[in-house]
């Protein structure tokens, strides 16, 4: 039986994070053709039960005359009464080949590992067509439609399963930064 306790270190670490990083703090870095954001969050509660949560999120986008590349990394961890109850990691990459001012073709890769799901991992690849639907000074909206394949490894049996997937997504954004929200897609980058 493996018993682990990070209470002294975890409490000090959580306190340090809470003191140094306001909730949902976003950091941004821009270089030529690059836009990126880093978000870090943590919380710790005590009382009848003790819980700790930590999240991290990284987004980067590089744009050239003919291409746009997007990278996504997410991490989530939750512990309650010294027992891990949530742990999830997601990585995604999408390349867009511009066809004109508003149209593009895309290829996307996504990998997810969630310790508390029915799958050891999920990986997918999709390709399709995208169009900038709104291109205002302050607001942008891209719509995408595509298809691809997803592979999962079932946790209980260890078997892998392949299945086709569809992609229907909307990507709202502003000139100050991009906020990606997939409308309906298990494979959003």
C-alpha atoms as a PDB file:
ATOM      1  CA  UNK A   1       0.000   0.000   0.000  1.00  0.00           C
ATOM      2  CA  UNK A   2       1.444   3.316  -1.056  1.00  0.00           C
ATOM      3  CA  UNK A   3       0.721   6.157   1.321  1.00  0.00           C
ATOM      4  CA  UNK A   4       1.738   9.608   0.340  1.00  0.00           C
ATOM      5  CA  UNK A   5       1.317  12.866   2.106  1.00  0.00           C
ATOM      6  CA  UNK A   6       2.325  16.179   0.697  1.00  0.00           C
ATOM      7  CA  UNK A   7       0.530  18.135   3.385  1.00  0.00           C
ATOM      8  CA  UNK A   8       3.475  20.302   4.626  1.00  0.00           C
ATOM      9  CA  UNK A   9       4.982  20.795   1.183  1.00  0.00           C
ATOM     10  CA  UNK A  10       1.599  20.977  -0.551  1.00  0.00           C
ATOM     11  CA  UNK A  11       0.236  23.535   1.908  1.00  0.00           C
ATOM     12  CA  UNK A  12       3.312  25.732   1.603  1.00  0.00           C
ATOM     13  CA  UNK A  13       3.285  25.404  -2.190  1.00  0.00           C
ATOM     14  CA  UNK A  14      -0.435  26.192  -2.414  1.00  0.00           C
ATOM     15  CA  UNK A  15      -0.024  29.198  -0.118  1.00  0.00           C
ATOM     16  CA  UNK A  16       2.875  30.481  -2.214  1.00  0.00           C
ATOM     17  CA  UNK A  17       0.842  30.116  -5.403  1.00  0.00           C
ATOM     18  CA  UNK A  18      -2.198  31.808  -3.874  1.00  0.00           C
ATOM     19  CA  UNK A  19      -0.090  34.721  -2.629  1.00  0.00           C
ATOM     20  CA  UNK A  20       1.849  35.235  -5.836  1.00  0.00           C
ATOM     21  CA  UNK A  21      -0.782  34.582  -8.516  1.00  0.00           C
ATOM     22  CA  UNK A  22      -4.250  36.148  -8.427  1.00  0.00           C
ATOM     23  CA  UNK A  23      -7.072  33.788  -9.436  1.00  0.00           C
ATOM     24  CA  UNK A  24      -7.236  33.175 -13.195  1.00  0.00           C
ATOM     25  CA  UNK A  25      -4.173  35.309 -13.772  1.00  0.00           C
ATOM     26  CA  UNK A  26      -3.305  35.449 -17.466  1.00  0.00           C
ATOM     27  CA  UNK A  27       0.189  36.193 -18.700  1.00  0.00           C
ATOM     28  CA  UNK A  28       0.853  37.079 -22.310  1.00  0.00           C
ATOM     29  CA  UNK A  29       3.938  37.121 -24.504  1.00  0.00           C
ATOM     30  CA  UNK A  30       4.084  38.434 -28.054  1.00  0.00           C
ATOM     31  CA  UNK A  31       6.886  38.283 -30.595  1.00  0.00           C
ATOM     32  CA  UNK A  32       6.762  38.702 -34.345  1.00  0.00           C
ATOM     33  CA  UNK A  33       3.906  36.542 -35.607  1.00  0.00           C
ATOM     34  CA  UNK A  34       3.345  34.959 -32.170  1.00  0.00           C
ATOM     35  CA  UNK A  35       0.564  35.360 -29.626  1.00  0.00           C
ATOM     36  CA  UNK A  36       0.516  33.304 -26.448  1.00  0.00           C
ATOM     37  CA  UNK A  37      -1.151  33.143 -23.058  1.00  0.00           C
ATOM     38  CA  UNK A  38      -0.379  31.288 -19.860  1.00  0.00           C
ATOM     39  CA  UNK A  39      -3.003  30.829 -17.157  1.00  0.00           C
ATOM     40  CA  UNK A  40      -2.307  29.389 -13.721  1.00  0.00           C
ATOM     41  CA  UNK A  41      -4.748  28.785 -10.898  1.00  0.00           C
ATOM     42  CA  UNK A  42      -4.785  27.120  -7.514  1.00  0.00           C
ATOM     43  CA  UNK A  43      -7.078  26.849  -4.538  1.00  0.00           C
ATOM     44  CA  UNK A  44      -6.943  25.156  -1.162  1.00  0.00           C
ATOM     45  CA  UNK A  45      -9.799  24.707   1.272  1.00  0.00           C
ATOM     46  CA  UNK A  46      -9.818  23.378   4.811  1.00  0.00           C
ATOM     47  CA  UNK A  47     -12.545  22.523   7.255  1.00  0.00           C
ATOM     48  CA  UNK A  48     -14.539  19.296   7.488  1.00  0.00           C
ATOM     49  CA  UNK A  49     -12.737  18.198   4.344  1.00  0.00           C
ATOM     50  CA  UNK A  50      -9.522  19.448   2.832  1.00  0.00           C
ATOM     51  CA  UNK A  51      -9.112  19.922  -0.886  1.00  0.00           C
ATOM     52  CA  UNK A  52      -6.583  21.384  -3.264  1.00  0.00           C
ATOM     53  CA  UNK A  53      -6.949  22.183  -6.948  1.00  0.00           C
ATOM     54  CA  UNK A  54      -4.344  23.335  -9.456  1.00  0.00           C
ATOM     55  CA  UNK A  55      -4.813  24.190 -13.122  1.00  0.00           C
ATOM     56  CA  UNK A  56      -2.526  25.323 -15.878  1.00  0.00           C
ATOM     57  CA  UNK A  57      -3.229  26.376 -19.439  1.00  0.00           C
ATOM     58  CA  UNK A  58      -0.954  27.428 -22.299  1.00  0.00           C
ATOM     59  CA  UNK A  59      -2.041  28.677 -25.715  1.00  0.00           C
ATOM     60  CA  UNK A  60       0.248  29.791 -28.530  1.00  0.00           C
ATOM     61  CA  UNK A  61      -0.519  30.887 -32.068  1.00  0.00           C
ATOM     62  CA  UNK A  62       1.950  31.674 -34.839  1.00  0.00           C
ATOM     63  CA  UNK A  63       0.700  33.387 -37.989  1.00  0.00           C
ATOM     64  CA  UNK A  64       2.495  33.928 -41.294  1.00  0.00           C
ATOM     65  CA  UNK A  65       1.242  35.011 -44.696  1.00  0.00           C
ATOM     66  CA  UNK A  66       0.066  31.493 -45.683  1.00  0.00           C
ATOM     67  CA  UNK A  67      -0.084  29.536 -42.391  1.00  0.00           C
ATOM     68  CA  UNK A  68      -1.481  29.717 -38.868  1.00  0.00           C
ATOM     69  CA  UNK A  69      -0.274  27.227 -36.217  1.00  0.00           C
ATOM     70  CA  UNK A  70      -1.991  26.786 -32.843  1.00  0.00           C
ATOM     71  CA  UNK A  71      -0.730  24.918 -29.784  1.00  0.00           C
ATOM     72  CA  UNK A  72      -2.784  24.030 -26.698  1.00  0.00           C
ATOM     73  CA  UNK A  73      -1.626  22.500 -23.392  1.00  0.00           C
ATOM     74  CA  UNK A  74      -3.915  22.000 -20.361  1.00  0.00           C
ATOM     75  CA  UNK A  75      -3.366  20.409 -16.951  1.00  0.00           C
ATOM     76  CA  UNK A  76      -5.829  19.860 -14.092  1.00  0.00           C
ATOM     77  CA  UNK A  77      -5.257  18.303 -10.674  1.00  0.00           C
ATOM     78  CA  UNK A  78      -7.646  17.905  -7.716  1.00  0.00           C
ATOM     79  CA  UNK A  79      -7.023  16.290  -4.351  1.00  0.00           C
ATOM     80  CA  UNK A  80      -9.519  15.809  -1.545  1.00  0.00           C
ATOM     81  CA  UNK A  81      -8.563  14.533   1.917  1.00  0.00           C
ATOM     82  CA  UNK A  82      -5.132  13.397   0.642  1.00  0.00           C
ATOM     83  CA  UNK A  83      -6.726  11.381  -2.167  1.00  0.00           C
ATOM     84  CA  UNK A  84      -6.338  12.382  -5.818  1.00  0.00           C
ATOM     85  CA  UNK A  85      -9.819  12.722  -7.332  1.00  0.00           C
ATOM     86  CA  UNK A  86      -8.990  14.462 -10.602  1.00  0.00           C
ATOM     87  CA  UNK A  87      -5.997  14.471 -12.943  1.00  0.00           C
ATOM     88  CA  UNK A  88      -6.250  15.408 -16.620  1.00  0.00           C
ATOM     89  CA  UNK A  89      -3.792  16.480 -19.314  1.00  0.00           C
ATOM     90  CA  UNK A  90      -4.628  17.660 -22.838  1.00  0.00           C
ATOM     91  CA  UNK A  91      -2.312  18.605 -25.715  1.00  0.00           C
ATOM     92  CA  UNK A  92      -3.410  19.812 -29.131  1.00  0.00           C
ATOM     93  CA  UNK A  93      -1.898  21.197 -32.308  1.00  0.00           C
ATOM     94  CA  UNK A  94      -3.623  22.643 -35.359  1.00  0.00           C
ATOM     95  CA  UNK A  95      -2.142  23.869 -38.654  1.00  0.00           C
ATOM     96  CA  UNK A  96      -4.262  26.083 -40.911  1.00  0.00           C
ATOM     97  CA  UNK A  97      -3.314  26.594 -44.581  1.00  0.00           C
ATOM     98  CA  UNK A  98      -4.836  29.876 -45.702  1.00  0.00           C
ATOM     99  CA  UNK A  99      -6.661  29.751 -49.037  1.00  0.00           C
ATOM    100  CA  UNK A 100      -7.604  33.400 -49.113  1.00  0.00           C
ATOM    101  CA  UNK A 101      -8.527  36.227 -46.806  1.00  0.00           C
ATOM    102  CA  UNK A 102     -11.238  34.253 -44.952  1.00  0.00           C
ATOM    103  CA  UNK A 103     -10.931  30.563 -45.986  1.00  0.00           C
ATOM    104  CA  UNK A 104      -8.492  27.856 -44.848  1.00  0.00           C
ATOM    105  CA  UNK A 105      -7.913  24.128 -44.687  1.00  0.00           C
ATOM    106  CA  UNK A 106      -6.860  22.648 -41.347  1.00  0.00           C
ATOM    107  CA  UNK A 107      -5.296  19.568 -39.844  1.00  0.00           C
ATOM    108  CA  UNK A 108      -5.544  19.000 -36.086  1.00  0.00           C
ATOM    109  CA  UNK A 109      -4.050  16.566 -33.563  1.00  0.00           C
ATOM    110  CA  UNK A 110      -5.316  16.084 -30.000  1.00  0.00           C
ATOM    111  CA  UNK A 111      -4.172  13.864 -27.125  1.00  0.00           C
ATOM    112  CA  UNK A 112      -5.890  13.496 -23.751  1.00  0.00           C
ATOM    113  CA  UNK A 113      -4.986  11.491 -20.664  1.00  0.00           C
ATOM    114  CA  UNK A 114      -7.521  11.529 -17.840  1.00  0.00           C
ATOM    115  CA  UNK A 115      -6.752   9.256 -14.923  1.00  0.00           C
ATOM    116  CA  UNK A 116     -10.415   9.094 -13.900  1.00  0.00           C
ATOM    117  CA  UNK A 117     -12.083   8.444 -17.253  1.00  0.00           C
ATOM    118  CA  UNK A 118     -12.923   5.099 -18.858  1.00  0.00           C
ATOM    119  CA  UNK A 119      -9.917   5.466 -21.177  1.00  0.00           C
ATOM    120  CA  UNK A 120      -6.164   5.314 -20.542  1.00  0.00           C
ATOM    121  CA  UNK A 121      -5.834   7.860 -23.345  1.00  0.00           C
ATOM    122  CA  UNK A 122      -7.667   9.367 -26.296  1.00  0.00           C
ATOM    123  CA  UNK A 123      -5.908  10.592 -29.410  1.00  0.00           C
ATOM    124  CA  UNK A 124      -7.440  12.033 -32.543  1.00  0.00           C
ATOM    125  CA  UNK A 125      -6.577  13.557 -35.859  1.00  0.00           C
ATOM    126  CA  UNK A 126      -8.995  15.607 -37.960  1.00  0.00           C
ATOM    127  CA  UNK A 127      -8.892  17.605 -41.174  1.00  0.00           C
ATOM    128  CA  UNK A 128     -11.370  19.949 -42.742  1.00  0.00           C
ATOM    129  CA  UNK A 129     -12.387  23.399 -43.914  1.00  0.00           C
ATOM    130  CA  UNK A 130     -12.558  26.637 -41.926  1.00  0.00           C
ATOM    131  CA  UNK A 131     -13.842  30.123 -42.628  1.00  0.00           C
ATOM    132  CA  UNK A 132     -13.577  33.438 -40.814  1.00  0.00           C
ATOM    133  CA  UNK A 133     -17.257  34.311 -40.349  1.00  0.00           C
ATOM    134  CA  UNK A 134     -16.774  37.629 -38.546  1.00  0.00           C
ATOM    135  CA  UNK A 135     -13.624  39.701 -38.939  1.00  0.00           C
ATOM    136  CA  UNK A 136     -14.204  42.909 -37.028  1.00  0.00           C
ATOM    137  CA  UNK A 137     -11.736  45.240 -35.405  1.00  0.00           C
ATOM    138  CA  UNK A 138     -12.601  43.932 -31.926  1.00  0.00           C
ATOM    139  CA  UNK A 139     -14.274  40.572 -32.587  1.00  0.00           C
ATOM    140  CA  UNK A 140     -13.424  37.536 -34.733  1.00  0.00           C
ATOM    141  CA  UNK A 141     -15.312  34.282 -35.256  1.00  0.00           C
ATOM    142  CA  UNK A 142     -13.989  31.261 -37.158  1.00  0.00           C
ATOM    143  CA  UNK A 143     -16.228  28.306 -38.049  1.00  0.00           C
ATOM    144  CA  UNK A 144     -14.837  24.840 -38.864  1.00  0.00           C
ATOM    145  CA  UNK A 145     -16.198  21.552 -40.158  1.00  0.00           C
ATOM    146  CA  UNK A 146     -14.220  18.370 -40.682  1.00  0.00           C
ATOM    147  CA  UNK A 147     -13.795  14.658 -40.081  1.00  0.00           C
ATOM    148  CA  UNK A 148     -11.125  12.335 -38.771  1.00  0.00           C
ATOM    149  CA  UNK A 149     -10.299   9.350 -36.598  1.00  0.00           C
ATOM    150  CA  UNK A 150     -10.031   8.862 -32.848  1.00  0.00           C
ATOM    151  CA  UNK A 151      -8.149   6.119 -31.036  1.00  0.00           C
ATOM    152  CA  UNK A 152      -8.857   5.208 -27.416  1.00  0.00           C
ATOM    153  CA  UNK A 153      -7.424   2.602 -25.090  1.00  0.00           C
ATOM    154  CA  UNK A 154     -10.077   1.196 -22.764  1.00  0.00           C
ATOM    155  CA  UNK A 155      -8.838   1.233 -19.177  1.00  0.00           C
ATOM    156  CA  UNK A 156     -10.525  -1.965 -17.957  1.00  0.00           C
ATOM    157  CA  UNK A 157      -9.500  -4.239 -20.855  1.00  0.00           C
ATOM    158  CA  UNK A 158      -6.409  -2.559 -22.303  1.00  0.00           C
ATOM    159  CA  UNK A 159      -7.911  -2.888 -25.796  1.00  0.00           C
ATOM    160  CA  UNK A 160      -7.613  -0.067 -28.308  1.00  0.00           C
ATOM    161  CA  UNK A 161     -10.554   1.079 -30.364  1.00  0.00           C
ATOM    162  CA  UNK A 162     -10.592   3.279 -33.483  1.00  0.00           C
ATOM    163  CA  UNK A 163     -13.637   5.239 -34.576  1.00  0.00           C
ATOM    164  CA  UNK A 164     -14.493   8.040 -36.993  1.00  0.00           C
ATOM    165  CA  UNK A 165     -15.235  11.482 -35.541  1.00  0.00           C
ATOM    166  CA  UNK A 166     -16.787  14.654 -36.866  1.00  0.00           C
ATOM    167  CA  UNK A 167     -15.771  18.181 -36.051  1.00  0.00           C
ATOM    168  CA  UNK A 168     -18.002  21.236 -35.860  1.00  0.00           C
ATOM    169  CA  UNK A 169     -16.345  24.093 -34.017  1.00  0.00           C
ATOM    170  CA  UNK A 170     -16.505  27.828 -33.501  1.00  0.00           C
ATOM    171  CA  UNK A 171     -13.482  29.851 -32.400  1.00  0.00           C
ATOM    172  CA  UNK A 172     -14.368  33.289 -31.022  1.00  0.00           C
ATOM    173  CA  UNK A 173     -11.593  35.777 -30.388  1.00  0.00           C
ATOM    174  CA  UNK A 174     -10.746  39.412 -29.898  1.00  0.00           C
ATOM    175  CA  UNK A 175      -7.911  41.525 -31.142  1.00  0.00           C
ATOM    176  CA  UNK A 176      -6.356  41.413 -27.647  1.00  0.00           C
ATOM    177  CA  UNK A 177      -6.231  37.604 -27.494  1.00  0.00           C
ATOM    178  CA  UNK A 178      -7.900  34.414 -28.578  1.00  0.00           C
ATOM    179  CA  UNK A 179     -10.391  32.472 -26.511  1.00  0.00           C
ATOM    180  CA  UNK A 180     -11.085  29.063 -28.046  1.00  0.00           C
ATOM    181  CA  UNK A 181     -14.435  27.462 -27.392  1.00  0.00           C
ATOM    182  CA  UNK A 182     -15.453  24.388 -29.344  1.00  0.00           C
ATOM    183  CA  UNK A 183     -19.169  24.247 -29.982  1.00  0.00           C
ATOM    184  CA  UNK A 184     -19.330  20.486 -30.542  1.00  0.00           C
ATOM    185  CA  UNK A 185     -16.170  18.527 -30.961  1.00  0.00           C
ATOM    186  CA  UNK A 186     -14.239  15.858 -29.113  1.00  0.00           C
ATOM    187  CA  UNK A 187     -11.142  16.891 -31.062  1.00  0.00           C
ATOM    188  CA  UNK A 188     -10.811  20.643 -30.593  1.00  0.00           C
ATOM    189  CA  UNK A 189      -7.266  21.915 -30.583  1.00  0.00           C
END
